[in-house]
């Protein structure tokens, strides 16, 4: 079945590093959406609409190579927007100045669930990205942006499944009727492949992977 791959946002003002991270995203079967400055990313997030949310956002906090006019809205403003409107998206913030309590506190104030990473080692950042983009829960794993049932190699053919699994044990807010229907199909698919797991519809268009006892 043909599909548009799920996406990963990359905010990075150093072009070689941006290309390196984009290649890593592509190797995981996903679509890298790169932004050279925080102004461009903020503009894109502000008009997202009902397009499927990305699986992940990689945020360079520093933006030292961007023009001063392109640093506003800032990386912190992007984090605020991600936290407010894209709370189910996994966020990794990396910087060369995360060793101070004040800096870390400022990041977590903008996005309380952001994962922090030191900028000094890009290969370690890539490994961390790989770990999230191949997350396992029970006998399910994210593979090339979709959820695979490992014992059977069956794959659920919609990216909303990967977003729900990556957010585990948190919730995912789906957007539009097509995604809502896909989430309902994913719940049926999960139960068919592992009766011990289910998808809980907590609120309208809000879904969470859980064990069947808790979700009953």
Protein backbone atom coordinates (compact mmCIF):
# COMPACT_ATOMS: atom_id res chain seq x y z
CA UNK A 1 0.00 0.00 0.00
CA UNK A 2 1.44 3.38 -1.01
CA UNK A 3 1.51 6.05 1.64
CA UNK A 4 2.97 9.42 2.48
CA UNK A 5 5.64 8.76 5.09
CA UNK A 6 5.35 10.27 8.54
CA UNK A 7 7.52 13.30 9.14
CA UNK A 8 10.18 14.56 11.52
CA UNK A 9 10.79 18.29 11.98
CA UNK A 10 14.40 19.44 12.08
CA UNK A 11 15.33 22.95 13.18
CA UNK A 12 19.04 23.36 12.47
CA UNK A 13 20.90 26.39 11.11
CA UNK A 14 24.10 24.48 10.23
CA UNK A 15 23.45 22.98 6.80
CA UNK A 16 25.86 19.98 7.00
CA UNK A 17 24.36 18.97 10.36
CA UNK A 18 20.85 19.44 9.01
CA UNK A 19 21.64 17.15 6.07
CA UNK A 20 23.18 14.57 8.40
CA UNK A 21 20.08 14.52 10.62
CA UNK A 22 17.80 14.43 7.57
CA UNK A 23 19.68 11.39 6.24
CA UNK A 24 19.15 9.68 9.58
CA UNK A 25 15.42 10.38 9.41
CA UNK A 26 15.24 9.00 5.86
CA UNK A 27 17.05 5.84 6.97
CA UNK A 28 14.12 5.28 9.33
CA UNK A 29 11.66 5.48 6.44
CA UNK A 30 10.39 8.95 7.39
CA UNK A 31 10.21 12.37 5.75
CA UNK A 32 12.59 15.03 7.13
CA UNK A 33 11.14 18.53 7.11
CA UNK A 34 14.10 20.85 7.63
CA UNK A 35 14.05 24.48 8.72
CA UNK A 36 17.12 26.71 8.66
CA UNK A 37 15.83 29.14 11.27
CA UNK A 38 13.23 29.43 14.01
CA UNK A 39 11.15 32.01 12.15
CA UNK A 40 10.43 29.54 9.32
CA UNK A 41 9.51 26.73 11.70
CA UNK A 42 7.25 28.96 13.78
CA UNK A 43 5.46 30.15 10.64
CA UNK A 44 4.89 26.55 9.51
CA UNK A 45 3.63 25.37 12.89
CA UNK A 46 1.24 28.32 13.09
CA UNK A 47 -0.62 27.27 9.93
CA UNK A 48 -0.47 23.49 10.34
CA UNK A 49 -4.20 22.87 10.18
CA UNK A 50 -5.45 19.25 10.08
CA UNK A 51 -2.36 17.80 8.42
CA UNK A 52 -1.06 14.74 10.33
CA UNK A 53 1.28 15.70 13.13
CA UNK A 54 4.96 14.78 12.83
CA UNK A 55 6.33 11.94 14.90
CA UNK A 56 9.18 13.99 16.27
CA UNK A 57 10.78 17.44 16.35
CA UNK A 58 14.52 18.01 16.67
CA UNK A 59 15.16 21.55 17.90
CA UNK A 60 18.52 23.32 17.80
CA UNK A 61 18.19 25.84 20.60
CA UNK A 62 21.10 28.06 19.67
CA UNK A 63 20.46 29.38 16.12
CA UNK A 64 23.84 31.13 16.23
CA UNK A 65 24.31 30.91 12.43
CA UNK A 66 20.90 32.30 11.49
CA UNK A 67 20.43 35.95 10.63
CA UNK A 68 19.30 38.00 13.61
CA UNK A 69 16.05 38.83 11.81
CA UNK A 70 15.37 35.10 11.41
CA UNK A 71 15.80 34.33 15.12
CA UNK A 72 12.40 35.80 15.99
CA UNK A 73 10.16 34.10 16.83
CA UNK A 74 12.83 32.16 18.71
CA UNK A 75 13.50 28.47 19.26
CA UNK A 76 11.80 28.90 22.65
CA UNK A 77 8.71 30.28 20.89
CA UNK A 78 8.71 27.16 18.70
CA UNK A 79 8.86 25.01 21.82
CA UNK A 80 5.90 26.89 23.33
CA UNK A 81 3.92 26.25 20.15
CA UNK A 82 4.88 22.57 20.03
CA UNK A 83 3.83 22.15 23.65
CA UNK A 84 0.53 23.95 23.13
CA UNK A 85 -0.61 22.55 19.79
CA UNK A 86 1.56 19.45 19.21
CA UNK A 87 1.78 17.95 22.69
CA UNK A 88 1.86 14.37 21.34
CA UNK A 89 5.00 15.01 19.27
CA UNK A 90 8.27 13.75 20.77
CA UNK A 91 10.68 16.70 21.11
CA UNK A 92 14.45 16.57 21.46
CA UNK A 93 16.16 19.88 22.25
CA UNK A 94 19.89 20.06 21.74
CA UNK A 95 22.30 22.85 22.54
CA UNK A 96 25.86 23.51 23.58
CA UNK A 97 24.65 25.36 26.67
CA UNK A 98 22.46 22.95 28.58
CA UNK A 99 24.83 22.55 31.48
CA UNK A 100 23.25 25.36 33.53
CA UNK A 101 20.15 24.88 35.66
CA UNK A 102 18.73 28.16 34.36
CA UNK A 103 19.00 27.05 30.73
CA UNK A 104 17.42 23.66 31.38
CA UNK A 105 14.65 25.29 33.43
CA UNK A 106 13.93 27.71 30.58
CA UNK A 107 13.58 24.83 28.12
CA UNK A 108 11.26 22.87 30.39
CA UNK A 109 9.19 25.97 31.04
CA UNK A 110 8.63 26.24 27.29
CA UNK A 111 8.07 22.50 26.83
CA UNK A 112 7.84 20.39 30.02
CA UNK A 113 8.23 17.06 28.17
CA UNK A 114 11.20 18.03 26.00
CA UNK A 115 14.16 15.65 26.03
CA UNK A 116 17.53 17.40 26.37
CA UNK A 117 20.69 16.52 24.50
CA UNK A 118 24.17 18.03 24.49
CA UNK A 119 25.16 19.38 21.09
CA UNK A 120 28.69 18.05 21.26
CA UNK A 121 27.98 14.59 19.87
CA UNK A 122 25.70 14.34 16.83
CA UNK A 123 26.16 10.58 16.54
CA UNK A 124 24.72 10.15 20.03
CA UNK A 125 21.80 12.37 19.04
CA UNK A 126 21.22 10.17 15.99
CA UNK A 127 21.28 7.07 18.19
CA UNK A 128 18.71 8.65 20.46
CA UNK A 129 16.53 9.48 17.46
CA UNK A 130 16.85 5.89 16.22
CA UNK A 131 15.83 4.57 19.63
CA UNK A 132 12.63 6.63 19.63
CA UNK A 133 11.80 5.97 15.98
CA UNK A 134 12.06 2.21 16.60
CA UNK A 135 10.29 2.21 19.96
CA UNK A 136 8.93 -1.11 21.21
CA UNK A 137 5.87 -1.66 23.38
CA UNK A 138 4.95 -5.26 24.21
CA UNK A 139 5.36 -7.14 20.90
CA UNK A 140 4.85 -4.07 18.71
CA UNK A 141 7.58 -1.91 17.23
CA UNK A 142 7.77 1.21 15.09
CA UNK A 143 9.32 0.29 11.75
CA UNK A 144 9.77 2.87 9.00
CA UNK A 145 7.10 5.09 10.52
CA UNK A 146 4.48 2.36 10.92
CA UNK A 147 3.64 -0.13 13.67
CA UNK A 148 4.72 -3.73 13.13
CA UNK A 149 3.60 -6.75 15.14
CA UNK A 150 6.95 -8.49 15.62
CA UNK A 151 5.79 -12.15 15.89
CA UNK A 152 3.83 -11.98 12.62
CA UNK A 153 5.55 -9.08 10.76
CA UNK A 154 2.08 -7.66 10.12
CA UNK A 155 2.11 -3.89 9.66
CA UNK A 156 -0.66 -1.40 10.37
CA UNK A 157 -0.72 0.83 7.26
CA UNK A 158 -1.38 4.24 8.79
CA UNK A 159 1.06 6.56 10.55
CA UNK A 160 -1.39 7.35 13.36
CA UNK A 161 -0.47 3.97 14.84
CA UNK A 162 3.17 5.00 15.13
CA UNK A 163 2.21 8.28 16.78
CA UNK A 164 0.09 6.44 19.35
CA UNK A 165 2.85 3.91 20.08
CA UNK A 166 5.58 6.57 20.29
CA UNK A 167 3.49 8.62 22.72
CA UNK A 168 2.97 5.59 25.02
CA UNK A 169 1.97 5.85 27.84
CA UNK A 170 0.77 9.33 26.89
CA UNK A 171 -2.12 10.36 24.68
CA UNK A 172 -2.39 11.37 21.03
CA UNK A 173 -4.86 13.89 19.66
CA UNK A 174 -5.96 12.93 16.16
CA UNK A 175 -7.14 15.53 13.68
CA UNK A 176 -10.02 15.10 11.28
CA UNK A 177 -12.36 12.21 10.56
CA UNK A 178 -9.83 10.25 8.48
CA UNK A 179 -7.35 10.06 11.36
CA UNK A 180 -10.13 9.25 13.84
CA UNK A 181 -11.26 6.34 11.67
CA UNK A 182 -7.66 5.16 11.36
CA UNK A 183 -7.27 5.25 15.16
CA UNK A 184 -10.41 3.12 15.50
CA UNK A 185 -9.02 0.62 12.97
CA UNK A 186 -5.74 0.60 14.88
CA UNK A 187 -7.55 -0.32 18.09
CA UNK A 188 -9.16 -3.31 16.33
CA UNK A 189 -5.80 -4.28 14.79
CA UNK A 190 -4.01 -4.08 18.15
CA UNK A 191 -6.57 -6.29 19.92
CA UNK A 192 -6.53 -8.84 17.09
CA UNK A 193 -2.75 -9.16 17.35
CA UNK A 194 -2.43 -8.95 21.13
CA UNK A 195 -5.60 -9.23 23.25
CA UNK A 196 -3.64 -7.98 26.28
CA UNK A 197 -3.36 -4.52 24.71
CA UNK A 198 -5.95 -2.01 23.53
CA UNK A 199 -6.41 1.59 22.46
CA UNK A 200 -8.37 3.71 24.89
CA UNK A 201 -10.49 6.56 23.52
CA UNK A 202 -10.31 8.90 26.51
CA UNK A 203 -11.88 12.03 25.08
CA UNK A 204 -13.14 13.01 21.64
CA UNK A 205 -10.31 12.33 19.19
CA UNK A 206 -7.88 11.48 22.02
CA UNK A 207 -6.33 8.00 22.05
CA UNK A 208 -3.90 6.13 24.28
CA UNK A 209 -2.27 2.70 24.05
CA UNK A 210 -2.79 0.74 27.26
CA UNK A 211 -3.19 -2.79 28.57
CA UNK A 212 -6.60 -4.34 28.11
CA UNK A 213 -7.39 -4.52 31.86
CA UNK A 214 -6.72 -0.81 32.38
CA UNK A 215 -8.61 0.11 29.23
CA UNK A 216 -11.68 -1.97 30.04
